[in-house]
Amino acid sequence: MKIIVFFCLFAINAPFSYGKESTTSILPLETGISTIDNDVNLKIKDNTYKLTKEEIKDWLIENNDLRFNPRYSSEIENINVCNYKKSIVCKLSVTTQDRFHIQKSSSFSLNTDLVKKYIQTLSKKTDKDPINATFDLQDGKISVFSMDEKGIELDQAESSELLIKYITEGKQTENLELSYKENSPDISINSINNLGITSLIGEGRSNFRGSPKNRIFNIKAATKRFHGVLIKPGEEFSFVKILGEVDGDHGYLPELVIKNDKTEPEFGGGICQVSTTAFRAAIYSGLKITARRNHAYPVSYYNPQGMDSTIYIPRPDLRFVNDTPGHILIQTEIVGTELIFKFFGTSDGRQVSIDGPHILEKKPDGSMKTTFSQKVTDKNNDLIREDVFKSSYDSPSKYPHPGDKLTQKPKNWSKGEWERYLKENTKP
């Protein structure tokens, strides 16, 4: 009996919670919901992102409790609160008289999981990779083509804690500085004298004579992406990575591409002229090719057949490794209808010998098989590598050609893109 009395005295002051249990991480608000009165500007370096009070209130959890308060006269009509608890402890610990002093209380707590999720989503808007400086080569001297820029990375853990503290402590400030770090680029303007660029190590050429105007436009737009690019010693070059997004918003026009077993219009048609030329420059520079695929069928723009390289985002890609002792600087130019890629770097005395391309088989339907080899030797004439590049092309007749002008809007085009196409391809 003594044990029961002791237990009842302990339990009589216990709160009666009717809120739902939650598995999320929550923290109580110290000063209540009345403190969430203002929007807050989240500042990350030079950028500001508005967080509204409505968004913050969506992260709050309301908790309703029943508590024993001897100085309070209950307004609750049904005093049999233990029926809700369905607990023997309640019935043993709370007398009938005590039930007239049950007070309802409300409080709010913060779902910190939602705060962290918000910060994670915000980081996708704020994070920015560092940008390397790009350089030009004029009169044999390197000059800065574009400045380097530091990258930004939001510190998600610390920024979440700052925002949680702001909400739970009810600070009335308009601006909140979030935590971030800056990442320096690999190549800055200060490294211009340490690049080891002293000579032309190889070049590639192709001719796009006869291309329609949209194809020429796309070739020029894509070529600009590669002028001034630096490849570090030991770095693997990725054409797709440097090229970036290819759509109307990034300055490309619709033109024919080989896709889904047919030749059809798509933004960026003609970019393979650029990848093919870059591939040839890498071959003649004696670099190690790590990824390359030929086109589905022979394309006249890529003569001689067998030395082309098709790309499409995200794959196939054109990749090669800079295994020279210094950086490689890419310089591009267009002379008439000839596209030229030049690779400048540090000569290590290697010699490059190309055999081919040779046509091994050619059928009346236009299908063919070709091959060429790349032999690279060092300054002592010792073999560095010898690679063979085989290409197998289907017949062009297997890939239906819709003609040079569209008559229907492609499904993946917006209304604005279609209207712009019609305007650009309608004769006055």
Protein backbone atom coordinates (compact mmCIF):
# COMPACT_ATOMS: atom_id res chain seq x y z
CA MET A 1 0.00 0.00 0.00
CA LYS A 2 2.84 2.38 0.77
CA ILE A 3 4.25 1.77 -2.69
CA ILE A 4 0.92 2.72 -4.28
CA VAL A 5 0.65 5.95 -2.30
CA PHE A 6 4.20 6.95 -3.21
CA PHE A 7 3.55 6.26 -6.87
CA CYS A 8 0.31 8.26 -6.86
CA LEU A 9 2.01 11.30 -5.33
CA PHE A 10 4.65 11.17 -8.03
CA ALA A 11 2.18 10.81 -10.89
CA ILE A 12 -0.29 13.46 -9.86
CA ASN A 13 1.84 16.28 -11.32
CA ALA A 14 2.50 14.49 -14.60
CA PRO A 15 1.21 16.19 -17.79
CA PHE A 16 -1.60 14.61 -19.79
CA SER A 17 -0.46 14.74 -23.39
CA TYR A 18 -2.95 14.09 -26.17
CA GLY A 19 -0.67 15.08 -29.06
CA LYS A 20 0.36 12.45 -31.59
CA GLU A 21 3.79 10.92 -31.14
CA SER A 22 6.28 11.84 -33.88
CA THR A 23 9.43 10.15 -35.12
CA THR A 24 10.78 13.44 -36.54
CA SER A 25 13.38 15.58 -34.79
CA ILE A 26 11.62 18.43 -32.96
CA LEU A 27 12.70 21.32 -30.78
CA PRO A 28 10.43 23.49 -28.58
CA LEU A 29 10.03 27.17 -29.36
CA GLU A 30 11.24 29.19 -26.40
CA THR A 31 8.94 32.17 -26.93
CA GLY A 32 6.04 30.67 -28.88
CA ILE A 33 4.56 31.13 -32.31
CA SER A 34 3.96 34.86 -31.82
CA THR A 35 7.64 35.42 -32.58
CA ILE A 36 7.22 34.23 -36.20
CA ASP A 37 5.95 37.57 -37.45
CA ASN A 38 8.37 38.49 -40.19
CA ASP A 39 9.88 37.17 -43.40
CA VAL A 40 13.63 36.72 -43.23
CA ASN A 41 16.27 37.37 -45.90
CA LEU A 42 18.81 34.56 -46.03
CA LYS A 43 22.12 36.03 -47.20
CA ILE A 44 24.76 33.90 -48.87
CA LYS A 45 27.69 36.03 -49.98
CA ASP A 46 26.24 38.50 -52.53
CA ASN A 47 22.91 36.72 -52.96
CA THR A 48 19.71 36.99 -50.91
CA TYR A 49 16.88 34.45 -50.71
CA LYS A 50 13.59 35.31 -49.00
CA LEU A 51 12.15 32.85 -46.49
CA THR A 52 8.52 33.77 -45.73
CA LYS A 53 6.87 33.46 -42.33
CA GLU A 54 4.28 31.19 -43.93
CA GLU A 55 7.02 28.77 -44.95
CA ILE A 56 8.42 28.79 -41.41
CA LYS A 57 5.00 28.13 -39.86
CA ASP A 58 4.66 25.05 -42.05
CA TRP A 59 7.59 23.61 -40.10
CA LEU A 60 5.86 24.05 -36.73
CA ILE A 61 4.05 21.34 -34.79
CA GLU A 62 1.24 22.29 -32.39
CA ASN A 63 1.20 20.33 -29.13
CA ASN A 64 -1.95 20.29 -26.92
CA ASP A 65 -1.58 19.06 -23.33
CA LEU A 66 -3.74 18.65 -20.22
CA ARG A 67 -1.94 19.53 -16.98
CA PHE A 68 -2.85 19.56 -13.31
CA ASN A 69 -2.92 23.13 -11.91
CA PRO A 70 -4.28 23.47 -8.34
CA ARG A 71 -4.76 27.26 -8.85
CA TYR A 72 -6.87 26.77 -11.95
CA SER A 73 -10.56 25.93 -12.13
CA SER A 74 -11.13 23.69 -15.09
CA GLU A 75 -13.43 24.76 -17.91
CA ILE A 76 -13.44 21.25 -19.34
CA GLU A 77 -16.99 19.87 -19.13
CA ASN A 78 -16.01 16.20 -19.10
CA ILE A 79 -13.80 15.78 -16.07
CA ASN A 80 -13.28 12.07 -16.69
CA VAL A 81 -10.00 12.78 -18.46
CA CYS A 82 -8.65 9.35 -17.57
CA ASN A 83 -11.07 7.79 -20.02
CA TYR A 84 -9.08 9.43 -22.80
CA LYS A 85 -5.78 8.27 -21.38
CA LYS A 86 -6.99 4.68 -21.01
CA SER A 87 -4.32 4.34 -18.35
CA ILE A 88 -4.55 2.68 -14.92
CA VAL A 89 -1.87 5.12 -13.72
CA CYS A 90 -4.16 8.08 -14.38
CA LYS A 91 -7.09 6.51 -12.52
CA LEU A 92 -4.91 5.65 -9.53
CA SER A 93 -3.13 9.02 -9.31
CA VAL A 94 -5.81 11.65 -10.05
CA THR A 95 -8.62 12.10 -7.53
CA THR A 96 -12.10 13.34 -8.45
CA GLN A 97 -11.31 16.69 -6.81
CA ASP A 98 -8.06 17.06 -8.79
CA ARG A 99 -9.97 16.62 -12.02
CA PHE A 100 -11.62 20.02 -11.46
CA HIS A 101 -8.13 21.58 -11.84
CA ILE A 102 -7.11 20.24 -15.21
CA GLN A 103 -5.86 22.99 -17.52
CA LYS A 104 -5.42 22.80 -21.29
CA SER A 105 -2.14 24.21 -22.62
CA SER A 106 -0.79 24.66 -26.14
CA SER A 107 2.80 24.90 -27.29
CA PHE A 108 4.68 24.73 -30.55
CA SER A 109 7.77 22.84 -31.54
CA LEU A 110 9.93 22.93 -34.67
CA ASN A 111 10.35 20.02 -37.08
CA THR A 112 14.08 20.32 -37.65
CA ASP A 113 14.03 17.65 -40.36
CA LEU A 114 12.03 20.03 -42.56
CA VAL A 115 14.50 22.84 -41.88
CA LYS A 116 17.41 20.65 -42.97
CA LYS A 117 15.50 19.58 -46.08
CA TYR A 118 14.90 23.24 -46.95
CA ILE A 119 18.61 24.05 -46.59
CA GLN A 120 19.48 21.06 -48.76
CA THR A 121 17.14 22.30 -51.50
CA LEU A 122 18.51 25.85 -51.15
CA SER A 123 22.05 24.58 -51.68
CA LYS A 124 21.07 23.40 -55.17
CA LYS A 125 20.32 27.04 -56.04
CA THR A 126 23.34 28.58 -54.33
CA ASP A 127 26.20 26.14 -54.88
CA LYS A 128 28.43 27.05 -57.80
CA ASP A 129 31.52 25.27 -59.06
CA PRO A 130 34.69 27.35 -59.40
CA ILE A 131 35.49 28.55 -62.93
CA ASN A 132 39.00 28.29 -64.32
CA ALA A 133 40.61 31.18 -66.09
CA THR A 134 40.86 30.75 -69.85
CA PHE A 135 43.66 32.04 -72.00
CA ASP A 136 44.36 33.21 -75.52
CA LEU A 137 47.52 32.85 -77.56
CA GLN A 138 48.41 35.97 -79.52
CA ASP A 139 51.74 36.51 -81.30
CA GLY A 140 53.16 33.53 -79.45
CA LYS A 141 52.27 34.97 -76.02
CA ILE A 142 49.58 33.83 -73.61
CA SER A 143 47.05 36.41 -72.45
CA VAL A 144 43.97 36.15 -70.24
CA PHE A 145 40.80 35.37 -72.20
CA SER A 146 38.40 35.22 -69.25
CA MET A 147 38.93 35.66 -65.51
CA ASP A 148 38.73 32.88 -62.96
CA GLU A 149 35.89 32.78 -60.42
CA LYS A 150 35.68 31.18 -57.00
CA GLY A 151 33.00 28.61 -56.33
CA ILE A 152 30.47 28.70 -53.48
CA GLU A 153 29.37 25.76 -51.34
CA LEU A 154 26.68 26.19 -48.69
CA ASP A 155 27.63 24.65 -45.32
CA GLN A 156 24.40 22.71 -44.88
CA ALA A 157 25.00 21.51 -41.31
CA GLU A 158 25.99 24.89 -39.88
CA SER A 159 23.38 26.81 -41.90
CA SER A 160 20.65 24.47 -40.63
CA GLU A 161 21.74 25.12 -37.05
CA LEU A 162 21.71 28.89 -37.64
CA LEU A 163 18.20 28.78 -39.05
CA ILE A 164 16.94 26.48 -36.26
CA LYS A 165 18.38 28.86 -33.65
CA TYR A 166 16.80 31.85 -35.38
CA ILE A 167 13.35 30.25 -35.25
CA THR A 168 13.47 28.69 -31.77
CA GLU A 169 14.85 31.83 -30.10
CA GLY A 170 12.40 34.12 -31.91
CA LYS A 171 14.93 36.69 -33.10
CA GLN A 172 13.36 39.69 -34.81
CA THR A 173 15.97 40.31 -37.50
CA GLU A 174 15.35 40.92 -41.19
CA ASN A 175 18.57 39.29 -42.40
CA LEU A 176 20.27 36.03 -41.49
CA GLU A 177 23.79 35.25 -42.72
CA LEU A 178 24.13 31.59 -43.62
CA SER A 179 27.43 29.74 -43.55
CA TYR A 180 29.29 28.91 -46.76
CA LYS A 181 32.78 28.32 -48.03
CA GLU A 182 34.52 29.47 -51.19
CA ASN A 183 36.44 27.04 -53.39
CA SER A 184 39.31 28.28 -55.50
CA PRO A 185 39.59 27.21 -59.16
CA ASP A 186 42.38 24.92 -60.27
CA ILE A 187 43.64 27.49 -62.76
CA SER A 188 43.80 31.20 -61.92
CA ILE A 189 45.26 34.17 -63.76
CA ASN A 190 48.20 34.03 -61.34
CA SER A 191 49.26 30.67 -62.78
CA ILE A 192 49.81 32.05 -66.29
CA ASN A 193 53.60 31.79 -66.03
CA ASN A 194 53.57 28.23 -64.69
CA LEU A 195 51.51 26.51 -67.37
CA GLY A 196 54.41 25.23 -69.49
CA ILE A 197 52.78 26.22 -72.77
CA THR A 198 55.57 26.70 -75.26
CA SER A 199 54.66 25.08 -78.59
CA LEU A 200 51.97 23.66 -80.88
CA ILE A 201 51.74 19.93 -80.17
CA GLY A 202 48.94 19.01 -82.58
CA GLU A 203 45.89 20.16 -84.50
CA GLY A 204 42.69 18.79 -86.03
CA ARG A 205 40.67 20.03 -89.01
CA SER A 206 37.28 19.35 -90.58
CA ASN A 207 35.14 21.04 -93.23
CA PHE A 208 31.42 21.78 -92.89
CA ARG A 209 30.95 23.04 -96.45
CA GLY A 210 27.31 22.79 -97.55
CA SER A 211 25.85 22.97 -94.03
CA PRO A 212 22.50 24.77 -93.59
CA LYS A 213 22.49 28.00 -91.61
CA ASN A 214 21.23 26.48 -88.33
CA ARG A 215 23.98 23.87 -88.40
CA ILE A 216 26.62 26.53 -89.00
CA PHE A 217 25.18 28.59 -86.15
CA ASN A 218 25.38 25.62 -83.75
CA ILE A 219 28.94 24.80 -84.80
CA LYS A 220 30.06 28.34 -84.03
CA ALA A 221 28.19 28.43 -80.70
CA ALA A 222 29.69 25.15 -79.50
CA THR A 223 33.19 25.99 -80.73
CA LYS A 224 33.25 29.07 -78.49
CA ARG A 225 32.85 26.81 -75.46
CA PHE A 226 36.26 25.24 -76.11
CA HIS A 227 38.36 28.25 -77.07
CA GLY A 228 40.81 28.99 -74.25
CA VAL A 229 40.16 25.81 -72.27
CA LEU A 230 43.11 24.44 -70.31
CA ILE A 231 43.68 20.74 -69.63
CA LYS A 232 45.91 20.00 -66.65
CA PRO A 233 48.68 17.38 -66.82
CA GLY A 234 47.11 13.99 -66.09
CA GLU A 235 43.56 15.35 -66.44
CA GLU A 236 40.93 13.50 -68.46
CA PHE A 237 39.19 15.81 -70.92
CA SER A 238 35.40 15.36 -71.27
CA PHE A 239 33.78 17.02 -74.27
CA VAL A 240 30.26 16.69 -72.82
CA LYS A 241 31.27 18.23 -69.48
CA ILE A 242 32.79 21.33 -71.07
CA LEU A 243 29.98 21.63 -73.62
CA GLY A 244 27.28 21.88 -70.95
CA GLU A 245 23.55 22.08 -71.63
CA VAL A 246 22.36 22.03 -75.24
CA ASP A 247 18.92 23.60 -75.76
CA GLY A 248 17.23 26.77 -76.94
CA ASP A 249 17.87 28.55 -73.64
CA HIS A 250 21.63 28.07 -74.09
CA GLY A 251 21.72 29.61 -77.55
CA TYR A 252 21.31 26.63 -79.88
CA LEU A 253 19.01 26.23 -82.88
CA PRO A 254 17.17 23.11 -84.09
CA GLU A 255 19.00 21.06 -86.71
CA LEU A 256 19.23 17.42 -87.79
CA VAL A 257 20.81 14.83 -85.49
CA ILE A 258 21.01 11.02 -85.65
CA LYS A 259 18.78 9.75 -82.85
CA ASN A 260 16.41 6.86 -82.14
CA ASP A 261 17.17 5.09 -85.45
CA LYS A 262 16.25 8.14 -87.48
CA THR A 263 17.59 11.50 -88.55
CA GLU A 264 15.48 14.14 -86.84
CA PRO A 265 15.70 17.80 -85.80
CA GLU A 266 16.88 18.68 -82.33
CA PHE A 267 18.57 21.64 -80.68
CA GLY A 268 22.33 21.60 -81.24
CA GLY A 269 22.43 19.58 -84.45
CA GLY A 270 25.93 19.96 -85.92
CA ILE A 271 27.88 19.90 -82.64
CA CYS A 272 29.46 16.60 -83.71
CA GLN A 273 31.46 18.67 -86.21
CA VAL A 274 33.15 20.20 -83.16
CA SER A 275 33.69 16.91 -81.32
CA THR A 276 35.08 15.30 -84.47
CA THR A 277 37.59 18.13 -84.90
CA ALA A 278 38.63 17.94 -81.23
CA PHE A 279 39.08 14.17 -81.60
CA ARG A 280 41.42 14.65 -84.56
CA ALA A 281 43.44 17.25 -82.63
CA ALA A 282 43.86 14.79 -79.74
CA ILE A 283 44.89 12.02 -82.15
CA TYR A 284 47.53 14.14 -83.89
CA SER A 285 48.79 15.40 -80.51
CA GLY A 286 49.54 11.81 -79.52
CA LEU A 287 47.12 11.79 -76.57
CA LYS A 288 45.49 8.71 -75.07
CA ILE A 289 41.85 8.40 -76.20
CA THR A 290 39.65 6.94 -73.45
CA ALA A 291 36.17 7.26 -75.04
CA ARG A 292 35.09 7.68 -78.66
CA ARG A 293 32.25 6.39 -80.84
CA ASN A 294 31.74 6.74 -84.57
CA HIS A 295 28.44 7.93 -86.10
CA ALA A 296 25.66 5.50 -86.99
CA TYR A 297 26.17 6.06 -90.72
CA PRO A 298 28.74 7.88 -92.91
CA VAL A 299 28.28 11.68 -92.92
CA SER A 300 29.93 13.71 -95.67
CA TYR A 301 30.90 16.52 -93.29
CA TYR A 302 33.31 14.12 -91.57
CA ASN A 303 35.41 13.02 -94.54
CA PRO A 304 37.71 11.17 -94.50
CA GLN A 305 35.38 8.53 -93.04
CA GLY A 306 36.67 6.75 -89.97
CA MET A 307 38.00 9.78 -88.05
CA ASP A 308 34.73 11.12 -86.64
CA SER A 309 33.44 11.24 -83.07
CA THR A 310 29.75 11.46 -82.20
CA ILE A 311 28.56 12.87 -78.87
CA TYR A 312 25.22 13.25 -77.15
CA ILE A 313 24.43 14.40 -73.61
CA PRO A 314 25.09 12.57 -71.33
CA ARG A 315 26.63 9.89 -73.54
CA PRO A 316 28.33 8.98 -75.78
CA ASP A 317 31.17 11.29 -74.82
CA LEU A 318 34.59 12.09 -76.26
CA ARG A 319 37.31 11.75 -73.63
CA PHE A 320 41.11 11.73 -73.68
CA VAL A 321 43.94 12.16 -71.18
CA ASN A 322 46.62 14.83 -71.16
CA ASP A 323 49.71 12.68 -70.57
CA THR A 324 52.14 15.46 -71.52
CA PRO A 325 54.34 17.19 -68.92
CA GLY A 326 52.46 20.52 -69.05
CA HIS A 327 49.04 22.07 -69.50
CA ILE A 328 47.34 21.95 -72.88
CA LEU A 329 45.70 25.14 -74.15
CA ILE A 330 42.92 24.69 -76.72
CA GLN A 331 42.62 27.34 -79.41
CA THR A 332 39.87 27.23 -82.03
CA GLU A 333 39.25 29.12 -85.24
CA ILE A 334 37.01 28.97 -88.29
CA VAL A 335 38.50 29.86 -91.66
CA GLY A 336 35.79 29.89 -94.31
CA THR A 337 34.04 26.56 -93.77
CA GLU A 338 37.03 24.87 -92.14
CA LEU A 339 37.00 24.30 -88.39
CA ILE A 340 40.42 24.10 -86.70
CA PHE A 341 41.38 22.92 -83.21
CA LYS A 342 44.95 23.63 -82.10
CA PHE A 343 46.52 22.15 -78.98
CA PHE A 344 49.39 24.14 -77.44
CA GLY A 345 51.50 22.74 -74.63
CA THR A 346 54.91 21.41 -73.65
CA SER A 347 56.67 19.23 -76.19
CA ASP A 348 58.27 16.14 -74.67
CA GLY A 349 59.74 15.03 -78.00
CA ARG A 350 57.03 12.49 -78.79
CA GLN A 351 56.38 11.59 -82.41
CA VAL A 352 52.94 10.69 -83.76
CA SER A 353 52.35 8.48 -86.78
CA ILE A 354 48.84 7.99 -88.22
CA ASP A 355 48.12 5.14 -90.62
CA GLY A 356 44.77 5.61 -92.39
CA PRO A 357 41.91 5.87 -92.28
CA HIS A 358 41.42 2.90 -94.61
CA ILE A 359 38.10 1.63 -95.92
CA LEU A 360 37.99 -2.10 -95.23
CA GLU A 361 34.55 -2.71 -96.69
CA LYS A 362 32.00 -0.61 -98.57
CA LYS A 363 28.60 -1.81 -99.78
CA PRO A 364 26.22 -0.35 -102.40
CA ASP A 365 23.77 0.72 -99.67
CA GLY A 366 26.41 3.08 -98.24
CA SER A 367 27.38 1.01 -95.21
CA MET A 368 31.11 0.60 -94.60
CA LYS A 369 33.85 -0.42 -92.21
CA THR A 370 37.05 1.58 -91.67
CA THR A 371 40.18 1.54 -89.56
CA PHE A 372 43.15 3.74 -88.68
CA SER A 373 45.97 3.44 -86.16
CA GLN A 374 47.79 5.92 -83.93
CA LYS A 375 51.41 5.15 -83.08
CA VAL A 376 53.16 7.32 -80.46
CA THR A 377 56.89 7.10 -79.70
CA ASP A 378 59.03 9.11 -77.27
CA LYS A 379 62.10 11.21 -78.07
CA ASN A 380 64.23 8.05 -78.00
CA ASN A 381 61.92 6.38 -80.51
CA ASP A 382 60.64 3.96 -77.87
CA LEU A 383 56.96 3.01 -78.22
CA ILE A 384 54.56 4.79 -75.88
CA ARG A 385 51.36 3.34 -77.35
CA GLU A 386 49.81 2.03 -80.51
CA ASP A 387 46.01 2.14 -80.72
CA VAL A 388 43.69 0.98 -83.48
CA PHE A 389 40.35 2.73 -84.11
CA LYS A 390 37.77 0.68 -85.97
CA SER A 391 34.47 2.11 -87.20
CA SER A 392 31.40 0.30 -88.48
CA TYR A 393 28.75 2.37 -90.29
CA ASP A 394 25.19 1.36 -91.23
CA SER A 395 23.44 2.30 -94.43
CA PRO A 396 22.01 5.87 -94.34
CA SER A 397 18.76 4.44 -95.69
CA LYS A 398 18.10 2.88 -92.27
CA TYR A 399 17.71 6.34 -90.76
CA PRO A 400 14.68 8.15 -92.27
CA HIS A 401 15.38 11.75 -93.17
CA PRO A 402 12.52 14.24 -92.67
CA GLY A 403 13.98 16.92 -94.95
CA ASP A 404 15.57 20.25 -94.14
CA LYS A 405 12.37 21.97 -93.00
CA LEU A 406 9.85 20.90 -90.37
CA THR A 407 6.12 20.98 -90.98
CA GLN A 408 4.99 19.91 -87.50
CA LYS A 409 6.08 21.00 -84.00
CA PRO A 410 8.18 18.30 -82.30
CA LYS A 411 6.60 17.06 -79.06
CA ASN A 412 9.48 18.23 -76.86
CA TRP A 413 9.44 21.82 -78.20
CA SER A 414 7.62 24.67 -76.49
CA LYS A 415 5.19 26.89 -78.35
CA GLY A 416 7.73 29.73 -78.29
CA GLU A 417 10.50 27.56 -79.70
CA TRP A 418 8.25 26.38 -82.52
CA GLU A 419 7.17 29.95 -83.39
CA ARG A 420 10.80 31.07 -83.43
CA TYR A 421 11.70 28.18 -85.75
CA LEU A 422 8.89 29.08 -88.18
CA LYS A 423 9.96 32.72 -88.19
CA GLU A 424 13.59 31.88 -88.89
CA ASN A 425 12.75 29.37 -91.63
CA THR A 426 10.03 31.24 -93.49
CA LYS A 427 11.09 33.07 -96.63
CA PRO A 428 10.04 36.75 -96.76
